[in-house]
Amino acid sequence: MGTDWENRWNDGDTPWDKGEPSPPLVNYVQSHSLSGKVLVPGCGAGHDAAFLSQQGFEVTGVDFAPTALKQARNRYSELGIRWICDDLLDPQKEWGGPFDTWVEHTCLCALEPKHWEAYINTLSAQLKKGGIFMGVLFKNPDVEEGPPFRITDQQISQLFSSFEFVEKFEPDSAYPGREGREEVWIYRR
């Protein structure tokens, strides 16, 4: 799986990389209290991780693709972010957890549905008890066949059944073209 993502980064086939942090993430962090160590899975070129680091969080970014992480390291080298190349579905390295907060923007939805349970297993292993999952989930992608893959409320609720639901909402801002197509879901472990 990681090879597919690496090939896309090598080929410059990264339409999800907008060159800036996720607007729903920016708005959420500016209006909610988060603290501690933050993990950004599927961090790509590191824009969300960099934003969080600039807000004072201790941040670790994890991605399958070495090329994406090389871009992140080059662009944000001064921020002291820990960048880890590893398999999100079957971690082989120590990530420095447990983490207080897990922040993702359509990482879960970028994975084939058959991998969603493994993603939740990694989340459960890396997020401390009482920790917060903040996810921007792609509810209405442009394509029928992913990535990103459509995810329903029922699927989300089932995947996060061992977590405490906190809230969900449609974000006030989004990348151009994604307005009304994403939802922010918050759970507590």
N, C-alpha and C. Protein backbone atom coordinates (compact mmCIF):
# COMPACT_ATOMS: atom_id res chain seq x y z
N MET A 1 0.81 -1.19 0.00
CA MET A 1 0.00 0.00 0.00
C MET A 1 0.86 1.26 0.00
N GLY A 2 1.88 1.27 0.85
CA GLY A 2 2.75 2.44 0.91
C GLY A 2 3.39 2.76 -0.42
N THR A 3 3.66 1.72 -1.24
CA THR A 3 4.26 1.92 -2.55
C THR A 3 3.36 2.75 -3.45
N ASP A 4 2.06 2.51 -3.38
CA ASP A 4 1.12 3.29 -4.19
C ASP A 4 1.20 4.77 -3.85
N TRP A 5 1.23 5.09 -2.56
CA TRP A 5 1.30 6.49 -2.15
C TRP A 5 2.64 7.09 -2.53
N GLU A 6 3.71 6.32 -2.37
CA GLU A 6 5.03 6.82 -2.75
C GLU A 6 5.09 7.12 -4.24
N ASN A 7 4.53 6.23 -5.06
CA ASN A 7 4.51 6.46 -6.50
C ASN A 7 3.76 7.73 -6.85
N ARG A 8 2.65 7.98 -6.18
CA ARG A 8 1.88 9.20 -6.46
C ARG A 8 2.68 10.44 -6.08
N TRP A 9 3.36 10.41 -4.96
CA TRP A 9 4.19 11.56 -4.57
C TRP A 9 5.34 11.74 -5.56
N ASN A 10 5.97 10.66 -5.97
CA ASN A 10 7.06 10.75 -6.95
C ASN A 10 6.59 11.32 -8.28
N ASP A 11 5.37 10.95 -8.68
CA ASP A 11 4.83 11.41 -9.97
C ASP A 11 4.19 12.79 -9.88
N GLY A 12 4.13 13.36 -8.69
CA GLY A 12 3.47 14.66 -8.52
C GLY A 12 1.96 14.56 -8.64
N ASP A 13 1.41 13.36 -8.49
CA ASP A 13 -0.04 13.13 -8.60
C ASP A 13 -0.66 13.24 -7.20
N THR A 14 -0.69 14.46 -6.68
CA THR A 14 -1.13 14.69 -5.29
C THR A 14 -2.18 15.81 -5.24
N PRO A 15 -3.35 15.60 -5.84
CA PRO A 15 -4.36 16.67 -5.85
C PRO A 15 -4.86 17.04 -4.46
N TRP A 16 -4.65 16.17 -3.47
CA TRP A 16 -5.08 16.47 -2.11
C TRP A 16 -4.15 17.47 -1.42
N ASP A 17 -2.92 17.63 -1.91
CA ASP A 17 -1.96 18.54 -1.29
C ASP A 17 -2.23 19.96 -1.78
N LYS A 18 -2.81 20.76 -0.93
CA LYS A 18 -3.21 22.12 -1.30
C LYS A 18 -2.16 23.16 -0.91
N GLY A 19 -1.06 22.74 -0.30
CA GLY A 19 0.01 23.67 0.02
C GLY A 19 -0.23 24.51 1.26
N GLU A 20 -1.25 24.17 2.02
CA GLU A 20 -1.60 24.92 3.23
C GLU A 20 -2.37 24.00 4.17
N PRO A 21 -2.45 24.37 5.45
CA PRO A 21 -3.19 23.50 6.37
C PRO A 21 -4.68 23.45 6.06
N SER A 22 -5.30 22.40 6.50
CA SER A 22 -6.73 22.18 6.32
C SER A 22 -7.54 23.31 6.97
N PRO A 23 -8.38 24.00 6.20
CA PRO A 23 -9.20 25.07 6.80
C PRO A 23 -10.07 24.60 7.97
N PRO A 24 -10.71 23.42 7.91
CA PRO A 24 -11.47 23.00 9.08
C PRO A 24 -10.59 22.79 10.33
N LEU A 25 -9.37 22.29 10.12
CA LEU A 25 -8.45 22.12 11.24
C LEU A 25 -8.07 23.48 11.83
N VAL A 26 -7.73 24.42 10.99
CA VAL A 26 -7.35 25.76 11.47
C VAL A 26 -8.47 26.35 12.31
N ASN A 27 -9.69 26.32 11.80
CA ASN A 27 -10.82 26.88 12.53
C ASN A 27 -11.08 26.14 13.83
N TYR A 28 -10.95 24.82 13.81
CA TYR A 28 -11.21 24.04 15.02
C TYR A 28 -10.20 24.38 16.11
N VAL A 29 -8.93 24.41 15.76
CA VAL A 29 -7.89 24.69 16.74
C VAL A 29 -8.02 26.09 17.30
N GLN A 30 -8.44 27.02 16.48
CA GLN A 30 -8.58 28.40 16.94
C GLN A 30 -9.80 28.60 17.84
N SER A 31 -10.73 27.67 17.83
CA SER A 31 -11.95 27.85 18.64
C SER A 31 -12.15 26.79 19.71
N HIS A 32 -11.24 25.82 19.83
CA HIS A 32 -11.35 24.74 20.81
C HIS A 32 -10.04 24.58 21.57
N SER A 33 -10.13 24.02 22.72
CA SER A 33 -8.95 23.81 23.55
C SER A 33 -8.39 22.41 23.30
N LEU A 34 -7.21 22.37 22.76
CA LEU A 34 -6.48 21.12 22.59
C LEU A 34 -5.14 21.30 23.30
N SER A 35 -4.52 20.20 23.68
CA SER A 35 -3.23 20.33 24.35
C SER A 35 -2.39 19.08 24.14
N GLY A 36 -1.12 19.23 24.48
CA GLY A 36 -0.23 18.08 24.54
C GLY A 36 0.37 17.63 23.24
N LYS A 37 0.66 16.34 23.21
CA LYS A 37 1.31 15.71 22.06
C LYS A 37 0.26 15.36 21.01
N VAL A 38 0.55 15.77 19.78
CA VAL A 38 -0.40 15.57 18.68
C VAL A 38 0.23 14.68 17.61
N LEU A 39 -0.56 13.72 17.13
CA LEU A 39 -0.15 12.88 16.01
C LEU A 39 -0.98 13.26 14.79
N VAL A 40 -0.29 13.42 13.66
CA VAL A 40 -0.97 13.69 12.39
C VAL A 40 -0.67 12.51 11.47
N PRO A 41 -1.62 11.56 11.34
CA PRO A 41 -1.41 10.41 10.45
C PRO A 41 -1.67 10.82 9.00
N GLY A 42 -0.92 10.22 8.09
CA GLY A 42 -1.08 10.58 6.69
C GLY A 42 -0.74 12.05 6.48
N CYS A 43 0.35 12.48 7.11
CA CYS A 43 0.68 13.91 7.15
C CYS A 43 1.14 14.48 5.82
N GLY A 44 1.50 13.64 4.86
CA GLY A 44 1.90 14.14 3.55
C GLY A 44 3.06 15.12 3.66
N ALA A 45 2.93 16.25 2.98
CA ALA A 45 3.98 17.27 2.95
C ALA A 45 4.01 18.12 4.21
N GLY A 46 3.16 17.80 5.19
CA GLY A 46 3.31 18.36 6.52
C GLY A 46 2.61 19.66 6.85
N HIS A 47 1.68 20.12 6.04
CA HIS A 47 1.07 21.43 6.27
C HIS A 47 0.26 21.47 7.57
N ASP A 48 -0.53 20.43 7.84
CA ASP A 48 -1.30 20.40 9.08
C ASP A 48 -0.37 20.27 10.29
N ALA A 49 0.63 19.41 10.18
CA ALA A 49 1.59 19.25 11.28
C ALA A 49 2.31 20.55 11.56
N ALA A 50 2.71 21.27 10.53
CA ALA A 50 3.40 22.55 10.71
C ALA A 50 2.49 23.57 11.40
N PHE A 51 1.25 23.66 10.97
CA PHE A 51 0.31 24.58 11.61
C PHE A 51 0.18 24.26 13.10
N LEU A 52 0.02 23.00 13.43
CA LEU A 52 -0.12 22.60 14.84
C LEU A 52 1.14 22.92 15.63
N SER A 53 2.29 22.67 15.04
CA SER A 53 3.55 23.00 15.71
C SER A 53 3.64 24.50 15.97
N GLN A 54 3.23 25.30 15.01
CA GLN A 54 3.26 26.76 15.17
C GLN A 54 2.29 27.24 16.24
N GLN A 55 1.31 26.40 16.59
CA GLN A 55 0.37 26.74 17.66
C GLN A 55 0.89 26.29 19.02
N GLY A 56 2.07 25.68 19.06
CA GLY A 56 2.70 25.30 20.31
C GLY A 56 2.57 23.84 20.70
N PHE A 57 2.04 23.01 19.82
CA PHE A 57 1.90 21.59 20.12
C PHE A 57 3.20 20.85 19.83
N GLU A 58 3.42 19.76 20.54
CA GLU A 58 4.49 18.83 20.23
C GLU A 58 3.91 17.87 19.19
N VAL A 59 4.44 17.89 17.98
CA VAL A 59 3.79 17.22 16.85
C VAL A 59 4.67 16.12 16.27
N THR A 60 4.00 15.01 15.95
CA THR A 60 4.60 13.92 15.20
C THR A 60 3.75 13.71 13.95
N GLY A 61 4.40 13.68 12.80
CA GLY A 61 3.72 13.39 11.54
C GLY A 61 4.16 12.04 11.02
N VAL A 62 3.19 11.22 10.61
CA VAL A 62 3.48 9.87 10.11
C VAL A 62 2.90 9.74 8.71
N ASP A 63 3.66 9.14 7.81
CA ASP A 63 3.16 8.89 6.46
C ASP A 63 3.83 7.65 5.89
N PHE A 64 3.14 7.03 4.92
CA PHE A 64 3.66 5.88 4.19
C PHE A 64 4.81 6.27 3.25
N ALA A 65 4.74 7.50 2.70
CA ALA A 65 5.55 7.89 1.55
C ALA A 65 6.81 8.67 1.95
N PRO A 66 7.99 8.10 1.71
CA PRO A 66 9.23 8.82 2.01
C PRO A 66 9.35 10.16 1.27
N THR A 67 8.87 10.23 0.05
CA THR A 67 8.96 11.47 -0.72
C THR A 67 8.13 12.57 -0.08
N ALA A 68 6.96 12.23 0.41
CA ALA A 68 6.13 13.22 1.10
C ALA A 68 6.85 13.74 2.34
N LEU A 69 7.45 12.84 3.10
CA LEU A 69 8.13 13.25 4.32
C LEU A 69 9.40 14.05 4.02
N LYS A 70 10.05 13.75 2.93
CA LYS A 70 11.22 14.55 2.53
C LYS A 70 10.78 15.99 2.26
N GLN A 71 9.65 16.15 1.57
CA GLN A 71 9.13 17.50 1.32
C GLN A 71 8.79 18.19 2.64
N ALA A 72 8.17 17.45 3.56
CA ALA A 72 7.81 18.02 4.86
C ALA A 72 9.05 18.46 5.62
N ARG A 73 10.05 17.60 5.67
CA ARG A 73 11.30 17.94 6.38
C ARG A 73 11.96 19.16 5.77
N ASN A 74 12.01 19.22 4.45
CA ASN A 74 12.65 20.35 3.77
C ASN A 74 11.90 21.66 4.01
N ARG A 75 10.60 21.61 3.94
CA ARG A 75 9.79 22.82 4.06
C ARG A 75 9.69 23.32 5.50
N TYR A 76 9.62 22.38 6.45
CA TYR A 76 9.34 22.76 7.83
C TYR A 76 10.44 22.32 8.80
N SER A 77 11.68 22.33 8.34
CA SER A 77 12.80 21.83 9.14
C SER A 77 13.00 22.61 10.44
N GLU A 78 12.65 23.87 10.46
CA GLU A 78 12.89 24.70 11.65
C GLU A 78 11.90 24.46 12.78
N LEU A 79 10.86 23.69 12.55
CA LEU A 79 9.79 23.57 13.55
C LEU A 79 9.98 22.45 14.57
N GLY A 80 10.91 21.58 14.38
CA GLY A 80 11.16 20.53 15.36
C GLY A 80 10.09 19.44 15.38
N ILE A 81 9.42 19.25 14.28
CA ILE A 81 8.41 18.20 14.18
C ILE A 81 9.11 16.86 13.99
N ARG A 82 8.58 15.84 14.63
CA ARG A 82 9.11 14.49 14.46
C ARG A 82 8.39 13.86 13.26
N TRP A 83 9.14 13.53 12.22
CA TRP A 83 8.57 12.93 11.01
C TRP A 83 8.92 11.45 11.00
N ILE A 84 7.93 10.60 10.80
CA ILE A 84 8.16 9.16 10.82
C ILE A 84 7.55 8.53 9.56
N CYS A 85 8.37 7.76 8.86
CA CYS A 85 7.89 7.00 7.71
C CYS A 85 7.57 5.59 8.23
N ASP A 86 6.28 5.26 8.20
CA ASP A 86 5.86 3.97 8.73
C ASP A 86 4.48 3.62 8.16
N ASP A 87 4.11 2.39 8.37
CA ASP A 87 2.82 1.88 7.91
C ASP A 87 1.75 2.23 8.96
N LEU A 88 0.81 3.07 8.59
CA LEU A 88 -0.26 3.47 9.51
C LEU A 88 -1.10 2.28 9.97
N LEU A 89 -1.14 1.25 9.17
CA LEU A 89 -2.00 0.11 9.46
C LEU A 89 -1.30 -0.99 10.24
N ASP A 90 0.02 -0.96 10.25
CA ASP A 90 0.81 -1.97 10.95
C ASP A 90 2.15 -1.35 11.34
N PRO A 91 2.12 -0.46 12.33
CA PRO A 91 3.34 0.28 12.69
C PRO A 91 4.50 -0.64 13.06
N GLN A 92 5.67 -0.29 12.55
CA GLN A 92 6.88 -1.05 12.83
C GLN A 92 7.86 -0.25 13.67
N LYS A 93 7.57 1.05 13.87
CA LYS A 93 8.47 1.93 14.60
C LYS A 93 7.76 2.50 15.82
N GLU A 94 8.55 3.01 16.76
CA GLU A 94 8.01 3.70 17.93
C GLU A 94 7.67 5.13 17.51
N TRP A 95 6.45 5.54 17.75
CA TRP A 95 6.01 6.87 17.32
C TRP A 95 6.12 7.93 18.41
N GLY A 96 6.42 7.50 19.64
CA GLY A 96 6.55 8.48 20.72
C GLY A 96 5.27 8.71 21.50
N GLY A 97 4.31 7.82 21.33
CA GLY A 97 3.04 7.96 22.04
C GLY A 97 3.12 7.41 23.44
N PRO A 98 2.02 7.40 24.15
CA PRO A 98 0.69 7.72 23.63
C PRO A 98 0.51 9.22 23.42
N PHE A 99 -0.40 9.54 22.50
CA PHE A 99 -0.66 10.92 22.13
C PHE A 99 -1.93 11.43 22.79
N ASP A 100 -1.95 12.73 23.05
CA ASP A 100 -3.13 13.38 23.62
C ASP A 100 -4.20 13.61 22.57
N THR A 101 -3.76 13.88 21.34
CA THR A 101 -4.68 14.22 20.26
C THR A 101 -4.21 13.58 18.96
N TRP A 102 -5.15 13.08 18.21
CA TRP A 102 -4.92 12.49 16.87
C TRP A 102 -5.70 13.38 15.92
N VAL A 103 -5.01 14.05 14.99
CA VAL A 103 -5.64 15.00 14.08
C VAL A 103 -5.43 14.52 12.65
N GLU A 104 -6.52 14.31 11.95
CA GLU A 104 -6.38 13.84 10.56
C GLU A 104 -7.36 14.55 9.64
N HIS A 105 -6.90 14.77 8.41
CA HIS A 105 -7.75 15.35 7.38
C HIS A 105 -7.86 14.35 6.24
N THR A 106 -8.96 13.65 6.20
CA THR A 106 -9.33 12.65 5.18
C THR A 106 -8.31 11.51 5.03
N CYS A 107 -7.55 11.23 6.07
CA CYS A 107 -6.63 10.09 6.02
C CYS A 107 -7.41 8.78 6.01
N LEU A 108 -8.35 8.64 6.92
CA LEU A 108 -9.16 7.43 6.97
C LEU A 108 -9.85 7.19 5.63
N CYS A 109 -10.42 8.24 5.07
CA CYS A 109 -11.17 8.12 3.81
C CYS A 109 -10.27 7.87 2.61
N ALA A 110 -8.97 8.11 2.75
CA ALA A 110 -8.04 7.83 1.67
C ALA A 110 -7.70 6.35 1.60
N LEU A 111 -7.97 5.64 2.67
CA LEU A 111 -7.70 4.21 2.73
C LEU A 111 -8.90 3.42 2.21
N GLU A 112 -8.64 2.30 1.57
CA GLU A 112 -9.73 1.43 1.15
C GLU A 112 -10.50 0.99 2.39
N PRO A 113 -11.82 0.90 2.29
CA PRO A 113 -12.63 0.50 3.45
C PRO A 113 -12.17 -0.78 4.14
N LYS A 114 -11.58 -1.71 3.40
CA LYS A 114 -11.10 -2.95 4.03
C LYS A 114 -9.99 -2.68 5.04
N HIS A 115 -9.38 -1.49 5.00
CA HIS A 115 -8.30 -1.14 5.92
C HIS A 115 -8.75 -0.28 7.09
N TRP A 116 -10.01 0.10 7.13
CA TRP A 116 -10.48 1.02 8.16
C TRP A 116 -10.35 0.45 9.57
N GLU A 117 -10.62 -0.83 9.73
CA GLU A 117 -10.51 -1.44 11.06
C GLU A 117 -9.07 -1.41 11.55
N ALA A 118 -8.11 -1.67 10.67
CA ALA A 118 -6.70 -1.60 11.05
C ALA A 118 -6.31 -0.18 11.45
N TYR A 119 -6.86 0.80 10.75
CA TYR A 119 -6.61 2.21 11.10
C TYR A 119 -7.11 2.49 12.52
N ILE A 120 -8.31 2.02 12.84
CA ILE A 120 -8.88 2.23 14.18
C ILE A 120 -8.04 1.51 15.23
N ASN A 121 -7.51 0.33 14.90
CA ASN A 121 -6.64 -0.38 15.84
C ASN A 121 -5.38 0.42 16.13
N THR A 122 -4.79 1.03 15.11
CA THR A 122 -3.61 1.87 15.31
C THR A 122 -3.97 3.09 16.14
N LEU A 123 -5.08 3.72 15.81
CA LEU A 123 -5.55 4.88 16.59
C LEU A 123 -5.70 4.50 18.06
N SER A 124 -6.34 3.39 18.34
CA SER A 124 -6.57 2.95 19.72
C SER A 124 -5.25 2.69 20.44
N ALA A 125 -4.27 2.18 19.72
CA ALA A 125 -2.98 1.88 20.34
C ALA A 125 -2.15 3.14 20.59
N GLN A 126 -2.33 4.15 19.77
CA GLN A 126 -1.48 5.34 19.85
C GLN A 126 -2.09 6.49 20.67
N LEU A 127 -3.40 6.50 20.84
CA LEU A 127 -4.08 7.60 21.53
C LEU A 127 -4.29 7.22 22.99
N LYS A 128 -3.89 8.11 23.90
CA LYS A 128 -4.03 7.79 25.33
C LYS A 128 -5.49 7.76 25.74
N LYS A 129 -5.78 7.07 26.83
CA LYS A 129 -7.13 7.04 27.39
C LYS A 129 -7.54 8.47 27.70
N GLY A 130 -8.71 8.89 27.23
CA GLY A 130 -9.17 10.26 27.39
C GLY A 130 -8.69 11.19 26.29
N GLY A 131 -7.86 10.67 25.38
CA GLY A 131 -7.34 11.47 24.27
C GLY A 131 -8.42 11.77 23.25
N ILE A 132 -8.17 12.78 22.42
CA ILE A 132 -9.15 13.26 21.44
C ILE A 132 -8.76 12.88 20.02
N PHE A 133 -9.71 12.34 19.28
CA PHE A 133 -9.61 12.15 17.84
C PHE A 133 -10.36 13.30 17.19
N MET A 134 -9.69 14.05 16.33
CA MET A 134 -10.33 15.12 15.56
C MET A 134 -10.09 14.78 14.09
N GLY A 135 -11.15 14.40 13.39
CA GLY A 135 -11.00 13.99 12.01
C GLY A 135 -11.90 14.76 11.08
N VAL A 136 -11.32 15.21 9.97
CA VAL A 136 -12.09 15.80 8.89
C VAL A 136 -12.32 14.66 7.89
N LEU A 137 -13.57 14.21 7.81
CA LEU A 137 -13.89 13.03 7.00
C LEU A 137 -14.63 13.45 5.74
N PHE A 138 -14.25 12.83 4.64
CA PHE A 138 -14.80 13.17 3.33
C PHE A 138 -16.10 12.40 3.13
N LYS A 139 -17.21 13.05 3.34
CA LYS A 139 -18.51 12.39 3.25
C LYS A 139 -19.05 12.33 1.82
N ASN A 140 -18.57 13.20 0.96
CA ASN A 140 -19.14 13.31 -0.37
C ASN A 140 -18.04 13.58 -1.40
N PRO A 141 -17.19 12.58 -1.67
CA PRO A 141 -16.12 12.81 -2.64
C PRO A 141 -16.64 12.93 -4.06
N ASP A 142 -15.81 13.47 -4.93
CA ASP A 142 -16.16 13.65 -6.35
C ASP A 142 -16.33 12.33 -7.08
N VAL A 143 -15.64 11.31 -6.63
CA VAL A 143 -15.56 10.06 -7.37
C VAL A 143 -16.33 8.95 -6.65
N GLU A 144 -16.85 8.02 -7.42
CA GLU A 144 -17.51 6.86 -6.83
C GLU A 144 -16.48 5.86 -6.30
N GLU A 145 -15.42 5.67 -7.06
CA GLU A 145 -14.33 4.79 -6.66
C GLU A 145 -13.23 5.69 -6.08
N GLY A 146 -12.74 5.35 -4.90
CA GLY A 146 -11.74 6.20 -4.25
C GLY A 146 -10.34 5.93 -4.74
N PRO A 147 -9.38 6.54 -4.13
CA PRO A 147 -9.56 7.43 -2.98
C PRO A 147 -9.94 8.85 -3.40
N PRO A 148 -10.57 9.60 -2.53
CA PRO A 148 -11.07 9.21 -1.22
C PRO A 148 -12.32 8.35 -1.36
N PHE A 149 -12.58 7.58 -0.31
CA PHE A 149 -13.72 6.68 -0.29
C PHE A 149 -14.83 7.28 0.56
N ARG A 150 -16.03 7.18 0.06
CA ARG A 150 -17.20 7.66 0.78
C ARG A 150 -17.36 6.88 2.09
N ILE A 151 -17.70 7.61 3.16
CA ILE A 151 -17.94 6.97 4.45
C ILE A 151 -19.25 7.51 5.01
N THR A 152 -20.07 6.63 5.53
CA THR A 152 -21.38 7.02 6.04
C THR A 152 -21.33 7.23 7.56
N ASP A 153 -22.35 7.90 8.07
CA ASP A 153 -22.46 8.08 9.52
C ASP A 153 -22.48 6.73 10.23
N GLN A 154 -23.21 5.77 9.68
CA GLN A 154 -23.29 4.45 10.29
C GLN A 154 -21.92 3.78 10.33
N GLN A 155 -21.14 3.88 9.26
CA GLN A 155 -19.81 3.29 9.24
C GLN A 155 -18.90 3.96 10.27
N ILE A 156 -18.98 5.28 10.37
CA ILE A 156 -18.16 6.00 11.35
C ILE A 156 -18.54 5.56 12.75
N SER A 157 -19.83 5.55 13.04
CA SER A 157 -20.28 5.16 14.38
C SER A 157 -19.84 3.74 14.73
N GLN A 158 -19.90 2.85 13.77
CA GLN A 158 -19.48 1.47 14.01
C GLN A 158 -17.97 1.39 14.25
N LEU A 159 -17.20 2.08 13.42
CA LEU A 159 -15.74 2.06 13.58
C LEU A 159 -15.31 2.60 14.94
N PHE A 160 -16.00 3.65 15.40
CA PHE A 160 -15.62 4.32 16.65
C PHE A 160 -16.49 3.87 17.83
N SER A 161 -17.06 2.67 17.76
CA SER A 161 -17.98 2.21 18.80
C SER A 161 -17.33 2.11 20.18
N SER A 162 -16.02 1.93 20.24
CA SER A 162 -15.36 1.84 21.55
C SER A 162 -14.89 3.21 22.06
N PHE A 163 -15.20 4.27 21.31
CA PHE A 163 -14.85 5.63 21.70
C PHE A 163 -16.11 6.37 22.15
N GLU A 164 -15.92 7.45 22.87
CA GLU A 164 -17.04 8.30 23.29
C GLU A 164 -17.25 9.39 22.23
N PHE A 165 -18.44 9.44 21.66
CA PHE A 165 -18.77 10.48 20.69
C PHE A 165 -18.84 11.83 21.40
N VAL A 166 -18.19 12.85 20.82
CA VAL A 166 -18.21 14.19 21.40
C VAL A 166 -19.09 15.10 20.55
N GLU A 167 -18.77 15.21 19.25
CA GLU A 167 -19.59 16.06 18.36
C GLU A 167 -19.20 15.80 16.91
N LYS A 168 -20.08 16.23 16.03
CA LYS A 168 -19.78 16.27 14.59
C LYS A 168 -20.44 17.52 14.04
N PHE A 169 -19.82 18.08 13.00
CA PHE A 169 -20.39 19.27 12.38
C PHE A 169 -19.78 19.48 11.00
N GLU A 170 -20.52 20.20 10.18
CA GLU A 170 -20.00 20.61 8.89
C GLU A 170 -19.15 21.85 9.11
N PRO A 171 -17.91 21.85 8.68
CA PRO A 171 -17.04 22.99 8.94
C PRO A 171 -17.49 24.24 8.18
N ASP A 172 -17.19 25.40 8.77
CA ASP A 172 -17.52 26.69 8.16
C ASP A 172 -16.65 27.01 6.96
N SER A 173 -15.46 26.40 6.90
CA SER A 173 -14.55 26.67 5.80
C SER A 173 -13.96 25.35 5.30
N ALA A 174 -13.53 25.38 4.05
CA ALA A 174 -12.97 24.18 3.43
C ALA A 174 -12.06 24.61 2.29
N TYR A 175 -11.29 23.67 1.80
CA TYR A 175 -10.56 23.94 0.57
C TYR A 175 -11.58 24.22 -0.53
N PRO A 176 -11.26 25.09 -1.50
CA PRO A 176 -12.20 25.35 -2.59
C PRO A 176 -12.64 24.04 -3.26
N GLY A 177 -13.94 23.90 -3.45
CA GLY A 177 -14.51 22.71 -4.07
C GLY A 177 -14.93 21.65 -3.07
N ARG A 178 -14.55 21.80 -1.82
CA ARG A 178 -14.92 20.81 -0.81
C ARG A 178 -16.00 21.34 0.15
N GLU A 179 -16.48 22.51 -0.11
CA GLU A 179 -17.53 23.08 0.75
C GLU A 179 -18.73 22.14 0.78
N GLY A 180 -19.20 21.83 1.99
CA GLY A 180 -20.36 20.96 2.15
C GLY A 180 -20.11 19.49 1.88
N ARG A 181 -18.87 19.11 1.68
CA ARG A 181 -18.55 17.72 1.35
C ARG A 181 -17.76 17.01 2.43
N GLU A 182 -17.40 17.74 3.48
CA GLU A 182 -16.64 17.16 4.58
C GLU A 182 -17.38 17.40 5.89
N GLU A 183 -17.07 16.56 6.88
CA GLU A 183 -17.58 16.75 8.23
C GLU A 183 -16.44 16.57 9.22
N VAL A 184 -16.50 17.31 10.29
CA VAL A 184 -15.54 17.15 11.37
C VAL A 184 -16.21 16.24 12.42
N TRP A 185 -15.51 15.20 12.81
CA TRP A 185 -15.99 14.26 13.84
C TRP A 185 -15.00 14.28 14.99
N ILE A 186 -15.50 14.38 16.20
CA ILE A 186 -14.69 14.40 17.40
C ILE A 186 -15.09 13.23 18.29
N TYR A 187 -14.11 12.45 18.68
CA TYR A 187 -14.34 11.35 19.62
C TYR A 187 -13.29 11.43 20.73
N ARG A 188 -13.65 10.88 21.87
CA ARG A 188 -12.72 10.74 22.99
C ARG A 188 -12.50 9.25 23.25
N ARG A 189 -11.24 8.91 23.42
CA ARG A 189 -10.94 7.49 23.69
C ARG A 189 -11.22 7.16 25.15
